[in-house]
N, C-alpha and C. Protein backbone atom coordinates (compact mmCIF):
# COMPACT_ATOMS: atom_id res chain seq x y z
N MET A 1 2.94 37.25 60.75
CA MET A 1 1.53 36.83 61.90
C MET A 1 1.54 35.62 60.94
N SER A 2 1.07 34.59 61.95
CA SER A 2 0.39 33.08 61.39
C SER A 2 -0.69 34.19 61.57
N ASP A 3 -1.54 32.49 60.84
CA ASP A 3 -3.30 32.72 60.09
C ASP A 3 -4.40 33.12 61.68
N ASP A 4 -3.41 32.92 62.73
CA ASP A 4 -4.05 32.98 64.14
C ASP A 4 -4.65 34.11 64.28
N GLU A 5 -2.88 34.30 64.17
CA GLU A 5 -2.59 35.72 64.85
C GLU A 5 -3.49 36.84 64.19
N ILE A 6 -3.58 37.43 63.18
CA ILE A 6 -4.29 37.48 61.47
C ILE A 6 -5.82 37.59 62.54
N ASN A 7 -6.67 36.55 62.41
CA ASN A 7 -7.93 35.75 62.23
C ASN A 7 -8.10 36.80 64.08
N VAL A 8 -7.05 36.67 65.05
CA VAL A 8 -7.43 37.25 66.05
C VAL A 8 -7.53 38.74 65.78
N ALA A 9 -6.16 39.91 65.30
CA ALA A 9 -5.81 41.01 64.91
C ALA A 9 -7.50 41.27 64.70
N VAL A 10 -7.94 41.21 63.02
CA VAL A 10 -9.27 41.07 62.25
C VAL A 10 -9.90 41.66 62.95
N ALA A 11 -10.45 40.54 64.13
CA ALA A 11 -11.80 40.25 64.81
C ALA A 11 -11.69 41.66 66.03
N ASP A 12 -10.72 41.80 66.51
CA ASP A 12 -10.29 42.84 67.22
C ASP A 12 -10.97 44.39 66.63
N ALA A 13 -10.26 44.43 65.35
CA ALA A 13 -10.35 45.34 64.60
C ALA A 13 -11.75 45.90 64.04
N MET A 14 -12.26 44.91 64.31
CA MET A 14 -13.92 44.74 63.46
C MET A 14 -15.15 44.59 64.92
N GLY A 15 -14.39 44.94 66.16
CA GLY A 15 -15.03 45.11 67.62
C GLY A 15 -15.50 43.72 67.99
N TRP A 16 -14.84 42.45 67.51
CA TRP A 16 -15.60 41.53 68.04
C TRP A 16 -15.26 41.08 69.66
N ARG A 17 -15.56 40.62 70.17
CA ARG A 17 -15.72 40.36 71.75
C ARG A 17 -15.86 38.65 72.41
N LYS A 18 -15.29 38.60 73.14
CA LYS A 18 -15.20 37.24 73.79
C LYS A 18 -16.38 37.23 74.94
N GLU A 19 -17.36 37.06 75.15
CA GLU A 19 -18.01 36.61 76.47
C GLU A 19 -19.16 35.92 76.62
N ASP A 20 -19.01 34.78 77.59
CA ASP A 20 -19.48 33.71 78.11
C ASP A 20 -18.70 32.38 76.82
N GLY A 21 -17.48 32.62 76.25
CA GLY A 21 -17.48 31.46 75.83
C GLY A 21 -17.51 31.51 74.09
N VAL A 22 -18.47 32.23 74.03
CA VAL A 22 -18.78 32.48 72.44
C VAL A 22 -18.29 33.91 72.17
N TYR A 23 -18.29 34.66 70.78
CA TYR A 23 -17.71 35.62 70.02
C TYR A 23 -19.23 36.05 69.63
N VAL A 24 -18.87 37.91 69.75
CA VAL A 24 -20.31 38.50 70.08
C VAL A 24 -19.68 40.39 69.01
N TRP A 25 -20.29 39.95 68.07
CA TRP A 25 -20.32 41.40 67.39
C TRP A 25 -21.53 42.31 67.58
N THR A 26 -21.50 43.25 66.88
CA THR A 26 -22.75 43.91 66.39
C THR A 26 -22.96 44.72 65.59
N ALA A 27 -23.77 44.48 65.10
CA ALA A 27 -24.73 44.80 62.97
C ALA A 27 -25.45 44.79 63.29
N ASN A 28 -25.69 46.34 62.76
CA ASN A 28 -27.34 46.69 62.83
C ASN A 28 -28.42 47.00 64.00
N GLY A 29 -27.32 47.17 65.20
CA GLY A 29 -27.92 47.22 66.04
C GLY A 29 -28.39 46.48 66.77
N ILE A 30 -27.80 44.94 66.40
CA ILE A 30 -28.34 43.64 67.05
C ILE A 30 -26.54 42.38 67.04
N ASP A 31 -26.62 42.14 68.20
CA ASP A 31 -25.61 41.33 69.11
C ASP A 31 -25.64 40.05 68.24
N CYS A 32 -24.41 39.50 67.40
CA CYS A 32 -24.03 38.16 67.03
C CYS A 32 -23.36 37.60 67.75
N THR A 33 -23.38 35.86 67.50
CA THR A 33 -22.50 35.40 68.52
C THR A 33 -21.86 34.51 67.37
N CYS A 34 -21.03 33.72 67.63
CA CYS A 34 -20.11 32.45 67.02
C CYS A 34 -19.38 32.14 67.38
N ASP A 35 -19.36 30.54 68.12
CA ASP A 35 -18.30 30.14 68.23
C ASP A 35 -17.04 29.83 68.15
N GLU A 36 -16.77 30.20 67.30
CA GLU A 36 -15.39 30.74 66.89
C GLU A 36 -14.38 31.35 65.62
N LEU A 37 -13.98 31.93 65.77
CA LEU A 37 -13.50 33.64 64.74
C LEU A 37 -13.84 32.60 63.39
N TRP A 38 -13.91 34.03 62.87
CA TRP A 38 -13.67 33.19 61.41
C TRP A 38 -12.56 33.51 60.84
N GLY A 39 -12.16 33.08 59.72
CA GLY A 39 -11.44 32.67 58.97
C GLY A 39 -10.63 33.66 57.74
N TRP A 40 -10.29 34.94 58.40
CA TRP A 40 -10.17 36.31 57.08
C TRP A 40 -9.10 35.96 56.68
N ALA A 41 -7.68 35.48 57.33
CA ALA A 41 -6.83 34.91 56.44
C ALA A 41 -6.70 34.26 55.12
N ASN A 42 -7.93 33.16 54.99
CA ASN A 42 -7.94 32.39 54.02
C ASN A 42 -9.41 32.82 53.41
N ASP A 43 -10.20 33.65 53.77
CA ASP A 43 -11.54 33.94 53.06
C ASP A 43 -11.98 34.99 52.39
N LEU A 44 -12.15 34.98 51.18
CA LEU A 44 -12.09 36.25 50.63
C LEU A 44 -13.20 37.20 51.23
N ASN A 45 -14.61 36.07 51.26
CA ASN A 45 -15.72 36.89 51.73
C ASN A 45 -15.98 37.59 53.38
N ALA A 46 -15.09 37.27 53.51
CA ALA A 46 -14.78 37.20 55.24
C ALA A 46 -14.07 38.49 55.20
N MET A 47 -13.14 38.99 54.30
CA MET A 47 -12.51 40.08 53.88
C MET A 47 -12.72 41.24 53.56
N HIS A 48 -13.85 41.04 52.69
CA HIS A 48 -14.78 42.00 51.69
C HIS A 48 -15.20 42.99 53.09
N LEU A 49 -16.02 41.94 53.80
CA LEU A 49 -16.86 42.18 55.15
C LEU A 49 -16.05 43.53 55.65
N ALA A 50 -14.58 43.18 56.13
CA ALA A 50 -13.44 43.44 57.17
C ALA A 50 -13.31 44.93 55.76
N GLU A 51 -12.78 44.95 54.87
CA GLU A 51 -12.61 45.85 54.25
C GLU A 51 -13.76 47.47 54.19
N LYS A 52 -15.05 46.30 53.93
CA LYS A 52 -16.59 47.25 54.12
C LYS A 52 -16.29 48.20 55.04
N MET A 53 -15.46 48.43 56.87
CA MET A 53 -15.77 49.41 57.42
C MET A 53 -14.66 49.80 57.42
N LEU A 54 -13.99 49.78 56.54
CA LEU A 54 -12.32 51.00 56.35
C LEU A 54 -13.15 52.02 55.48
N SER A 55 -12.90 53.41 56.26
CA SER A 55 -13.07 54.79 55.89
C SER A 55 -13.02 55.04 54.95
N VAL A 56 -13.21 56.38 53.98
CA VAL A 56 -12.98 56.61 52.84
C VAL A 56 -11.11 57.21 52.47
N ASP A 57 -10.94 57.60 53.54
CA ASP A 57 -9.68 57.92 53.65
C ASP A 57 -8.62 56.33 53.74
N GLN A 58 -9.01 55.83 55.28
CA GLN A 58 -8.20 54.68 54.93
C GLN A 58 -8.30 53.74 53.82
N ILE A 59 -9.16 53.72 52.70
CA ILE A 59 -9.21 52.88 51.74
C ILE A 59 -8.14 53.05 50.70
N ALA A 60 -7.65 54.69 50.43
CA ALA A 60 -6.75 55.16 49.64
C ALA A 60 -5.51 54.71 50.20
N MET A 61 -5.52 54.57 51.46
CA MET A 61 -4.05 53.21 52.40
C MET A 61 -3.99 52.34 52.07
N TYR A 62 -5.56 51.31 52.40
CA TYR A 62 -5.39 50.07 51.99
C TYR A 62 -5.10 49.91 50.55
N PHE A 63 -5.38 50.42 49.34
CA PHE A 63 -5.14 49.90 48.32
C PHE A 63 -3.90 50.29 47.93
N TRP A 64 -3.15 51.04 48.05
CA TRP A 64 -1.68 51.52 48.31
C TRP A 64 -1.17 50.30 48.86
N ARG A 65 -1.77 49.62 50.37
CA ARG A 65 -0.95 48.68 51.13
C ARG A 65 -0.86 47.51 50.33
N LEU A 66 -2.24 46.89 49.89
CA LEU A 66 -2.93 45.79 48.82
C LEU A 66 -1.57 45.71 47.69
N CYS A 67 -1.48 46.18 47.05
CA CYS A 67 -0.83 46.66 45.99
C CYS A 67 0.64 46.16 46.58
N ASP A 68 1.33 46.92 47.82
CA ASP A 68 2.73 45.88 48.05
C ASP A 68 2.60 44.83 48.47
N ALA A 69 1.20 44.18 49.73
CA ALA A 69 1.38 42.94 49.94
C ALA A 69 1.51 42.07 48.91
N SER A 70 0.08 42.48 47.88
CA SER A 70 0.45 41.28 46.69
C SER A 70 0.98 41.22 46.21
N LYS A 71 2.01 42.15 45.38
CA LYS A 71 2.80 42.03 45.02
C LYS A 71 2.49 41.64 43.21
N LYS A 72 1.56 41.91 43.45
CA LYS A 72 1.02 41.69 41.47
C LYS A 72 -0.05 42.56 41.03
N ASP A 73 0.43 42.55 39.67
CA ASP A 73 0.61 44.03 39.40
C ASP A 73 -1.33 44.56 38.82
N ASN A 74 -2.20 43.51 39.07
CA ASN A 74 -3.13 43.91 39.44
C ASN A 74 -3.79 43.40 41.17
N PRO A 75 -3.76 44.52 42.42
CA PRO A 75 -3.86 43.80 43.28
C PRO A 75 -5.11 43.48 43.48
N PHE A 76 -6.13 43.55 42.40
CA PHE A 76 -7.82 43.39 42.98
C PHE A 76 -7.56 41.50 42.61
N MET A 77 -6.63 41.02 42.59
CA MET A 77 -6.55 39.62 42.77
C MET A 77 -5.81 38.85 43.84
N ALA A 78 -5.52 40.38 44.39
CA ALA A 78 -5.05 39.83 46.09
C ALA A 78 -5.73 38.51 46.85
N ILE A 79 -4.66 37.55 47.25
CA ILE A 79 -5.55 36.73 48.32
C ILE A 79 -6.02 36.99 49.40
N ALA A 80 -6.87 36.29 50.11
CA ALA A 80 -7.44 37.01 51.21
C ALA A 80 -6.67 37.46 52.59
N ARG A 81 -5.16 36.45 52.48
CA ARG A 81 -4.01 36.50 53.48
C ARG A 81 -2.90 37.76 52.76
N GLU A 82 -3.49 37.90 51.80
CA GLU A 82 -2.75 39.45 51.26
C GLU A 82 -3.54 40.50 51.59
N ARG A 83 -5.23 40.62 51.93
CA ARG A 83 -5.70 41.57 51.96
C ARG A 83 -5.98 41.91 53.12
N ALA A 84 -6.04 40.27 53.94
CA ALA A 84 -5.71 40.88 55.50
C ALA A 84 -4.50 41.52 56.21
N GLU A 85 -3.12 40.95 55.39
CA GLU A 85 -2.23 42.08 55.78
C GLU A 85 -2.49 43.45 55.64
N ALA A 86 -3.07 44.20 54.52
CA ALA A 86 -3.11 44.84 54.14
C ALA A 86 -4.00 46.27 55.06
N PHE A 87 -4.93 45.03 55.25
CA PHE A 87 -6.00 45.55 56.08
C PHE A 87 -5.35 45.84 57.64
N LEU A 88 -4.50 44.89 58.10
CA LEU A 88 -3.94 45.35 59.21
C LEU A 88 -3.09 46.65 59.28
N ARG A 89 -2.21 46.18 58.26
CA ARG A 89 -1.22 47.66 58.02
C ARG A 89 -1.93 48.72 58.17
N THR A 90 -3.17 48.72 57.68
CA THR A 90 -3.56 50.21 57.18
C THR A 90 -3.98 50.76 58.41
N LEU A 91 -4.34 49.62 59.29
CA LEU A 91 -4.76 49.94 60.84
C LEU A 91 -3.82 50.47 61.58
N GLY A 92 -2.57 49.99 61.30
CA GLY A 92 -1.80 50.00 62.25
C GLY A 92 -1.57 48.97 63.52
N LYS A 93 -2.00 47.31 62.94
CA LYS A 93 -2.25 46.59 63.76
C LYS A 93 -1.41 45.62 63.53
N TRP A 94 -0.66 45.05 62.22
CA TRP A 94 0.04 44.55 61.76
C TRP A 94 1.75 44.33 62.62
N GLU A 95 2.19 43.42 63.15
CA GLU A 95 2.67 42.61 63.97
C GLU A 95 3.98 41.84 62.81
N GLU A 96 4.83 42.01 62.23
CA GLU A 96 6.00 41.38 61.92
C GLU A 96 6.29 40.53 62.82
N ALA A 97 6.61 38.98 62.59
CA ALA A 97 7.37 37.84 62.76
C ALA A 97 8.15 38.21 63.20
N GLN A 98 8.49 37.14 64.60
CA GLN A 98 9.33 37.28 65.52
C GLN A 98 10.70 36.61 65.21
N PRO A 99 11.62 36.80 65.02
CA PRO A 99 13.22 35.40 64.39
C PRO A 99 12.99 34.94 65.71
């Protein structure tokens, strides 16, 4: 997936929607807006917020997927793109690149 495809997929998974030309999501019962999508594929802080939405059961799967995506001895050193891939794979929203 390209960075743009990742950002759209993570936004969708987090409940973002587009209304009147702006992106809207709800946090603590309040609608928040942004002119453009966050860059989850390149932003560790944004991915940290995405990770927080995973359930306890999903966290275990996410950790396993993160180990696989990062190919590192320490998955906690994974970059944002690797975290986004593991997140989307955990939710069944990762799409393999078409040849």
